[in-house]
Amino acid sequence: MDFDNLCSEILKINEKIRYAGVYNTTTGKVFEKMRKEKGRLLNTEQTNNSIIHAYMRWKIRQQYSEFIGEPIYSMTKYTKINRITLPCSKNSLLLVSTEKDLEPHEIVDDILQLIEKLSDDPNYYQRTPQLNF
């Protein structure tokens, strides 16, 4: 998957999306796009650390998948932003942050459809994400 393109396309979904970033666990790289006019809330190092911590939380969510199913996405509302976390390939985690007045559930399906459309994995199916390492 072309993560730069994915991040660019996510920003097109809604003008209130501030940031889209992908953490590739295979390479350790972070691919990101943001609306320049919005400005950063976290510097680059803080952003990278935040994404790595989100990945660790994602792995914890997968612990009980045998019983309750695989996690599809997670949403967190902060006082300044909303953040959506979801897998975008076998070894990658996507973080999307939005303005606080955009309800994250309004864009989740659009993001999932975009991931499925841009996936280069013929076996990818958006409702059964895995981050197995």
N, C-alpha and C. Protein backbone atom coordinates (compact mmCIF):
# COMPACT_ATOMS: atom_id res chain seq x y z
N MET A 1 0.86 -1.18 0.00
CA MET A 1 0.00 0.00 0.00
C MET A 1 0.90 1.24 0.00
N ASP A 2 0.50 2.22 -0.75
CA ASP A 2 1.21 3.49 -0.80
C ASP A 2 0.68 4.35 0.35
N PHE A 3 1.42 4.39 1.46
CA PHE A 3 0.95 5.06 2.66
C PHE A 3 0.87 6.58 2.49
N ASP A 4 1.78 7.16 1.71
CA ASP A 4 1.69 8.60 1.45
C ASP A 4 0.38 8.94 0.75
N ASN A 5 0.03 8.14 -0.25
CA ASN A 5 -1.21 8.35 -0.98
C ASN A 5 -2.42 8.15 -0.05
N LEU A 6 -2.38 7.11 0.77
CA LEU A 6 -3.46 6.88 1.71
C LEU A 6 -3.68 8.09 2.61
N CYS A 7 -2.60 8.62 3.16
CA CYS A 7 -2.72 9.79 4.04
C CYS A 7 -3.29 11.00 3.29
N SER A 8 -2.83 11.21 2.07
CA SER A 8 -3.36 12.32 1.26
C SER A 8 -4.85 12.16 0.98
N GLU A 9 -5.25 10.95 0.63
CA GLU A 9 -6.66 10.68 0.34
C GLU A 9 -7.54 10.82 1.58
N ILE A 10 -7.02 10.46 2.72
CA ILE A 10 -7.81 10.61 3.96
C ILE A 10 -8.08 12.08 4.23
N LEU A 11 -7.10 12.94 4.01
CA LEU A 11 -7.32 14.37 4.23
C LEU A 11 -8.42 14.93 3.33
N LYS A 12 -8.65 14.29 2.19
CA LYS A 12 -9.69 14.74 1.26
C LYS A 12 -11.09 14.35 1.70
N ILE A 13 -11.20 13.42 2.62
CA ILE A 13 -12.51 12.93 3.05
C ILE A 13 -13.33 14.04 3.71
N ASN A 14 -12.67 14.83 4.56
CA ASN A 14 -13.38 15.88 5.29
C ASN A 14 -12.39 16.97 5.67
N GLU A 15 -12.78 18.21 5.50
CA GLU A 15 -11.88 19.34 5.80
C GLU A 15 -11.52 19.44 7.28
N LYS A 16 -12.25 18.75 8.13
CA LYS A 16 -11.96 18.80 9.57
C LYS A 16 -11.00 17.70 10.01
N ILE A 17 -10.49 16.93 9.06
CA ILE A 17 -9.44 15.98 9.38
C ILE A 17 -8.13 16.76 9.40
N ARG A 18 -7.45 16.72 10.53
CA ARG A 18 -6.22 17.48 10.72
C ARG A 18 -4.98 16.72 10.27
N TYR A 19 -4.98 15.40 10.52
CA TYR A 19 -3.75 14.62 10.41
C TYR A 19 -4.08 13.18 10.04
N ALA A 20 -3.25 12.59 9.22
CA ALA A 20 -3.31 11.15 8.95
C ALA A 20 -1.88 10.64 8.95
N GLY A 21 -1.63 9.62 9.76
CA GLY A 21 -0.29 9.06 9.85
C GLY A 21 -0.34 7.55 9.93
N VAL A 22 0.62 6.90 9.30
CA VAL A 22 0.72 5.44 9.29
C VAL A 22 2.05 5.05 9.91
N TYR A 23 1.98 4.14 10.87
CA TYR A 23 3.18 3.56 11.46
C TYR A 23 3.34 2.17 10.86
N ASN A 24 4.43 1.98 10.10
CA ASN A 24 4.73 0.68 9.52
C ASN A 24 5.64 -0.06 10.48
N THR A 25 5.14 -1.12 11.07
CA THR A 25 5.89 -1.84 12.10
C THR A 25 7.05 -2.65 11.51
N THR A 26 7.01 -2.94 10.22
CA THR A 26 8.10 -3.67 9.59
C THR A 26 9.34 -2.79 9.46
N THR A 27 9.13 -1.57 9.02
CA THR A 27 10.26 -0.66 8.79
C THR A 27 10.49 0.31 9.94
N GLY A 28 9.49 0.50 10.79
CA GLY A 28 9.59 1.48 11.86
C GLY A 28 9.36 2.90 11.38
N LYS A 29 9.00 3.05 10.11
CA LYS A 29 8.78 4.38 9.53
C LYS A 29 7.38 4.89 9.83
N VAL A 30 7.28 6.21 9.89
CA VAL A 30 5.99 6.88 10.02
C VAL A 30 5.79 7.71 8.76
N PHE A 31 4.67 7.50 8.11
CA PHE A 31 4.27 8.28 6.93
C PHE A 31 3.14 9.18 7.40
N GLU A 32 3.22 10.46 7.08
CA GLU A 32 2.19 11.35 7.60
C GLU A 32 1.90 12.50 6.66
N LYS A 33 0.67 12.98 6.78
CA LYS A 33 0.22 14.18 6.07
C LYS A 33 -0.63 14.95 7.06
N MET A 34 -0.54 16.27 6.97
CA MET A 34 -1.39 17.08 7.84
C MET A 34 -1.77 18.36 7.13
N ARG A 35 -2.82 18.96 7.61
CA ARG A 35 -3.23 20.25 7.07
C ARG A 35 -2.29 21.31 7.65
N LYS A 36 -1.52 21.92 6.78
CA LYS A 36 -0.53 22.90 7.25
C LYS A 36 -1.18 24.08 7.96
N GLU A 37 -2.35 24.45 7.51
CA GLU A 37 -3.01 25.61 8.12
C GLU A 37 -3.49 25.33 9.55
N LYS A 38 -3.54 24.07 9.92
CA LYS A 38 -3.99 23.70 11.28
C LYS A 38 -2.84 23.75 12.27
N GLY A 39 -1.63 23.49 11.82
CA GLY A 39 -0.48 23.48 12.71
C GLY A 39 -0.40 22.21 13.54
N ARG A 40 0.78 21.91 13.98
CA ARG A 40 1.03 20.71 14.80
C ARG A 40 0.67 20.98 16.25
N LEU A 41 0.09 19.98 16.89
CA LEU A 41 -0.11 20.02 18.33
C LEU A 41 1.05 19.30 19.03
N LEU A 42 1.63 18.31 18.35
CA LEU A 42 2.77 17.57 18.85
C LEU A 42 3.92 17.73 17.85
N ASN A 43 5.14 17.82 18.36
CA ASN A 43 6.27 17.87 17.43
C ASN A 43 6.48 16.48 16.83
N THR A 44 7.43 16.35 15.92
CA THR A 44 7.63 15.09 15.21
C THR A 44 7.98 13.95 16.17
N GLU A 45 8.86 14.19 17.11
CA GLU A 45 9.24 13.14 18.05
C GLU A 45 8.04 12.71 18.91
N GLN A 46 7.26 13.68 19.38
CA GLN A 46 6.08 13.36 20.18
C GLN A 46 5.06 12.58 19.35
N THR A 47 4.90 12.97 18.10
CA THR A 47 3.97 12.26 17.22
C THR A 47 4.40 10.82 17.03
N ASN A 48 5.68 10.60 16.74
CA ASN A 48 6.19 9.24 16.56
C ASN A 48 6.00 8.41 17.82
N ASN A 49 6.29 8.98 18.98
CA ASN A 49 6.09 8.26 20.23
C ASN A 49 4.61 7.95 20.46
N SER A 50 3.75 8.88 20.12
CA SER A 50 2.31 8.68 20.28
C SER A 50 1.82 7.53 19.40
N ILE A 51 2.33 7.47 18.18
CA ILE A 51 1.93 6.40 17.27
C ILE A 51 2.43 5.04 17.77
N ILE A 52 3.65 5.00 18.28
CA ILE A 52 4.18 3.75 18.82
C ILE A 52 3.36 3.30 20.03
N HIS A 53 2.98 4.23 20.88
CA HIS A 53 2.13 3.89 22.04
C HIS A 53 0.75 3.42 21.58
N ALA A 54 0.23 4.04 20.54
CA ALA A 54 -1.07 3.61 20.00
C ALA A 54 -0.96 2.17 19.50
N TYR A 55 0.16 1.85 18.87
CA TYR A 55 0.37 0.48 18.40
C TYR A 55 0.38 -0.50 19.58
N MET A 56 1.05 -0.13 20.67
CA MET A 56 1.09 -1.01 21.84
C MET A 56 -0.32 -1.21 22.41
N ARG A 57 -1.11 -0.14 22.46
CA ARG A 57 -2.50 -0.27 22.94
C ARG A 57 -3.30 -1.15 21.99
N TRP A 58 -3.02 -1.04 20.68
CA TRP A 58 -3.73 -1.87 19.71
C TRP A 58 -3.44 -3.35 19.95
N LYS A 59 -2.19 -3.66 20.23
CA LYS A 59 -1.83 -5.04 20.50
C LYS A 59 -2.56 -5.56 21.75
N ILE A 60 -2.74 -4.71 22.74
CA ILE A 60 -3.48 -5.10 23.94
C ILE A 60 -4.94 -5.39 23.58
N ARG A 61 -5.52 -4.56 22.72
CA ARG A 61 -6.91 -4.78 22.30
C ARG A 61 -7.09 -6.13 21.63
N GLN A 62 -6.05 -6.62 20.99
CA GLN A 62 -6.14 -7.89 20.27
C GLN A 62 -6.07 -9.11 21.19
N GLN A 63 -5.73 -8.90 22.45
CA GLN A 63 -5.57 -10.03 23.37
C GLN A 63 -6.82 -10.90 23.50
N TYR A 64 -7.98 -10.30 23.46
CA TYR A 64 -9.21 -11.06 23.65
C TYR A 64 -9.99 -11.25 22.36
N SER A 65 -9.32 -11.09 21.24
CA SER A 65 -10.00 -11.21 19.95
C SER A 65 -10.57 -12.61 19.72
N GLU A 66 -9.96 -13.61 20.32
CA GLU A 66 -10.48 -14.97 20.21
C GLU A 66 -11.90 -15.06 20.77
N PHE A 67 -12.19 -14.24 21.76
CA PHE A 67 -13.49 -14.29 22.44
C PHE A 67 -14.49 -13.25 21.92
N ILE A 68 -14.00 -12.04 21.62
CA ILE A 68 -14.92 -10.95 21.23
C ILE A 68 -14.73 -10.47 19.80
N GLY A 69 -13.78 -11.06 19.09
CA GLY A 69 -13.54 -10.68 17.70
C GLY A 69 -12.38 -9.70 17.59
N GLU A 70 -11.88 -9.55 16.37
CA GLU A 70 -10.78 -8.62 16.11
C GLU A 70 -11.25 -7.18 16.23
N PRO A 71 -10.43 -6.30 16.80
CA PRO A 71 -10.80 -4.88 16.81
C PRO A 71 -10.77 -4.32 15.39
N ILE A 72 -11.69 -3.45 15.12
CA ILE A 72 -11.77 -2.83 13.79
C ILE A 72 -11.21 -1.41 13.84
N TYR A 73 -11.58 -0.65 14.86
CA TYR A 73 -11.03 0.68 15.05
C TYR A 73 -11.24 1.09 16.50
N SER A 74 -10.55 2.14 16.88
CA SER A 74 -10.70 2.71 18.20
C SER A 74 -10.82 4.22 18.04
N MET A 75 -11.66 4.84 18.86
CA MET A 75 -11.82 6.29 18.82
C MET A 75 -11.61 6.85 20.21
N THR A 76 -10.89 7.95 20.28
CA THR A 76 -10.67 8.64 21.54
C THR A 76 -10.97 10.12 21.34
N LYS A 77 -11.77 10.67 22.22
CA LYS A 77 -12.05 12.11 22.21
C LYS A 77 -11.17 12.78 23.24
N TYR A 78 -10.38 13.71 22.80
CA TYR A 78 -9.56 14.54 23.68
C TYR A 78 -10.20 15.92 23.75
N THR A 79 -9.72 16.78 24.60
CA THR A 79 -10.32 18.11 24.70
C THR A 79 -10.01 18.98 23.47
N LYS A 80 -8.90 18.69 22.78
CA LYS A 80 -8.53 19.49 21.61
C LYS A 80 -8.78 18.81 20.27
N ILE A 81 -8.77 17.48 20.24
CA ILE A 81 -8.94 16.73 19.00
C ILE A 81 -9.66 15.42 19.28
N ASN A 82 -10.03 14.74 18.20
CA ASN A 82 -10.50 13.35 18.24
C ASN A 82 -9.45 12.53 17.50
N ARG A 83 -9.27 11.28 17.93
CA ARG A 83 -8.32 10.43 17.23
C ARG A 83 -8.93 9.07 16.96
N ILE A 84 -8.75 8.60 15.74
CA ILE A 84 -9.20 7.28 15.31
C ILE A 84 -7.96 6.45 15.02
N THR A 85 -7.94 5.23 15.52
CA THR A 85 -6.83 4.32 15.30
C THR A 85 -7.38 3.07 14.64
N LEU A 86 -6.76 2.62 13.56
CA LEU A 86 -7.20 1.41 12.89
C LEU A 86 -6.07 0.82 12.05
N PRO A 87 -6.07 -0.48 11.85
CA PRO A 87 -5.05 -1.08 11.00
C PRO A 87 -5.31 -0.72 9.54
N CYS A 88 -4.23 -0.59 8.78
CA CYS A 88 -4.43 -0.30 7.35
C CYS A 88 -3.71 -1.32 6.47
N SER A 89 -2.99 -2.22 7.09
CA SER A 89 -2.40 -3.36 6.40
C SER A 89 -1.95 -4.33 7.49
N LYS A 90 -1.42 -5.45 7.08
CA LYS A 90 -1.03 -6.47 8.06
C LYS A 90 -0.04 -5.92 9.09
N ASN A 91 0.85 -5.05 8.66
CA ASN A 91 1.91 -4.55 9.54
C ASN A 91 1.89 -3.03 9.73
N SER A 92 0.72 -2.42 9.62
CA SER A 92 0.66 -0.97 9.72
C SER A 92 -0.58 -0.51 10.47
N LEU A 93 -0.38 0.56 11.23
CA LEU A 93 -1.46 1.14 12.00
C LEU A 93 -1.65 2.59 11.57
N LEU A 94 -2.89 2.97 11.35
CA LEU A 94 -3.25 4.31 10.89
C LEU A 94 -3.82 5.11 12.04
N LEU A 95 -3.37 6.35 12.18
CA LEU A 95 -3.95 7.29 13.13
C LEU A 95 -4.48 8.48 12.36
N VAL A 96 -5.70 8.86 12.68
CA VAL A 96 -6.33 10.02 12.05
C VAL A 96 -6.80 10.92 13.16
N SER A 97 -6.43 12.19 13.11
CA SER A 97 -6.95 13.13 14.10
C SER A 97 -7.83 14.15 13.39
N THR A 98 -8.88 14.55 14.11
CA THR A 98 -9.85 15.48 13.55
C THR A 98 -10.06 16.65 14.51
N GLU A 99 -10.68 17.67 13.99
CA GLU A 99 -11.13 18.76 14.85
C GLU A 99 -12.10 18.20 15.88
N LYS A 100 -12.17 18.83 17.03
CA LYS A 100 -13.00 18.28 18.11
C LYS A 100 -14.50 18.32 17.79
N ASP A 101 -14.91 19.18 16.88
CA ASP A 101 -16.35 19.26 16.57
C ASP A 101 -16.80 18.29 15.47
N LEU A 102 -15.88 17.50 14.93
CA LEU A 102 -16.26 16.45 13.98
C LEU A 102 -16.40 15.14 14.75
N GLU A 103 -17.55 14.56 14.70
CA GLU A 103 -17.76 13.28 15.38
C GLU A 103 -17.04 12.19 14.57
N PRO A 104 -16.10 11.49 15.18
CA PRO A 104 -15.29 10.50 14.44
C PRO A 104 -16.11 9.43 13.74
N HIS A 105 -17.23 9.04 14.32
CA HIS A 105 -18.03 7.98 13.69
C HIS A 105 -18.56 8.41 12.32
N GLU A 106 -18.57 9.72 12.04
CA GLU A 106 -19.06 10.22 10.76
C GLU A 106 -18.12 9.88 9.60
N ILE A 107 -16.85 9.62 9.89
CA ILE A 107 -15.89 9.39 8.81
C ILE A 107 -15.26 8.00 8.82
N VAL A 108 -15.53 7.21 9.86
CA VAL A 108 -14.88 5.90 9.97
C VAL A 108 -15.17 5.01 8.77
N ASP A 109 -16.42 4.91 8.36
CA ASP A 109 -16.74 4.05 7.22
C ASP A 109 -16.04 4.51 5.95
N ASP A 110 -15.93 5.83 5.76
CA ASP A 110 -15.22 6.35 4.59
C ASP A 110 -13.75 5.96 4.63
N ILE A 111 -13.14 6.02 5.80
CA ILE A 111 -11.74 5.64 5.94
C ILE A 111 -11.56 4.15 5.68
N LEU A 112 -12.44 3.32 6.25
CA LEU A 112 -12.35 1.87 6.03
C LEU A 112 -12.50 1.53 4.55
N GLN A 113 -13.43 2.19 3.87
CA GLN A 113 -13.62 1.94 2.43
C GLN A 113 -12.39 2.36 1.63
N LEU A 114 -11.78 3.47 2.03
CA LEU A 114 -10.58 3.94 1.34
C LEU A 114 -9.42 2.97 1.53
N ILE A 115 -9.26 2.47 2.74
CA ILE A 115 -8.20 1.48 2.99
C ILE A 115 -8.41 0.25 2.12
N GLU A 116 -9.64 -0.22 2.07
CA GLU A 116 -9.93 -1.40 1.25
C GLU A 116 -9.65 -1.12 -0.23
N LYS A 117 -10.04 0.05 -0.70
CA LYS A 117 -9.84 0.42 -2.11
C LYS A 117 -8.35 0.50 -2.45
N LEU A 118 -7.54 1.05 -1.56
CA LEU A 118 -6.13 1.26 -1.85
C LEU A 118 -5.23 0.09 -1.47
N SER A 119 -5.80 -0.91 -0.84
CA SER A 119 -5.00 -2.06 -0.42
C SER A 119 -4.49 -2.81 -1.64
N ASP A 120 -3.21 -3.19 -1.56
CA ASP A 120 -2.65 -4.01 -2.64
C ASP A 120 -2.61 -5.48 -2.24
N ASP A 121 -3.26 -5.81 -1.13
CA ASP A 121 -3.37 -7.19 -0.67
C ASP A 121 -4.68 -7.76 -1.18
N PRO A 122 -4.65 -8.74 -2.08
CA PRO A 122 -5.89 -9.29 -2.63
C PRO A 122 -6.76 -9.98 -1.58
N ASN A 123 -6.19 -10.31 -0.44
CA ASN A 123 -6.95 -10.96 0.62
C ASN A 123 -7.44 -9.99 1.68
N TYR A 124 -7.19 -8.69 1.48
CA TYR A 124 -7.59 -7.71 2.48
C TYR A 124 -9.09 -7.60 2.54
N TYR A 125 -9.59 -7.60 3.75
CA TYR A 125 -11.01 -7.40 3.99
C TYR A 125 -11.12 -6.51 5.22
N GLN A 126 -11.74 -5.36 5.09
CA GLN A 126 -11.70 -4.34 6.13
C GLN A 126 -12.29 -4.78 7.47
N ARG A 127 -13.12 -5.76 7.51
CA ARG A 127 -13.75 -6.13 8.77
C ARG A 127 -12.99 -7.21 9.53
N THR A 128 -11.84 -7.65 9.01
CA THR A 128 -11.04 -8.64 9.74
C THR A 128 -9.59 -8.20 9.80
N PRO A 129 -9.33 -7.02 10.40
CA PRO A 129 -7.96 -6.53 10.45
C PRO A 129 -7.11 -7.37 11.39
N GLN A 130 -5.83 -7.45 11.07
CA GLN A 130 -4.88 -8.17 11.92
C GLN A 130 -3.58 -7.40 11.94
N LEU A 131 -2.95 -7.40 13.07
CA LEU A 131 -1.61 -6.87 13.18
C LEU A 131 -0.79 -7.94 13.87
N ASN A 132 -0.53 -9.00 13.17
CA ASN A 132 0.20 -10.14 13.75
C ASN A 132 1.68 -10.01 13.43
N PHE A 133 2.49 -10.13 14.47
CA PHE A 133 3.93 -9.99 14.29
C PHE A 133 4.63 -11.13 14.97
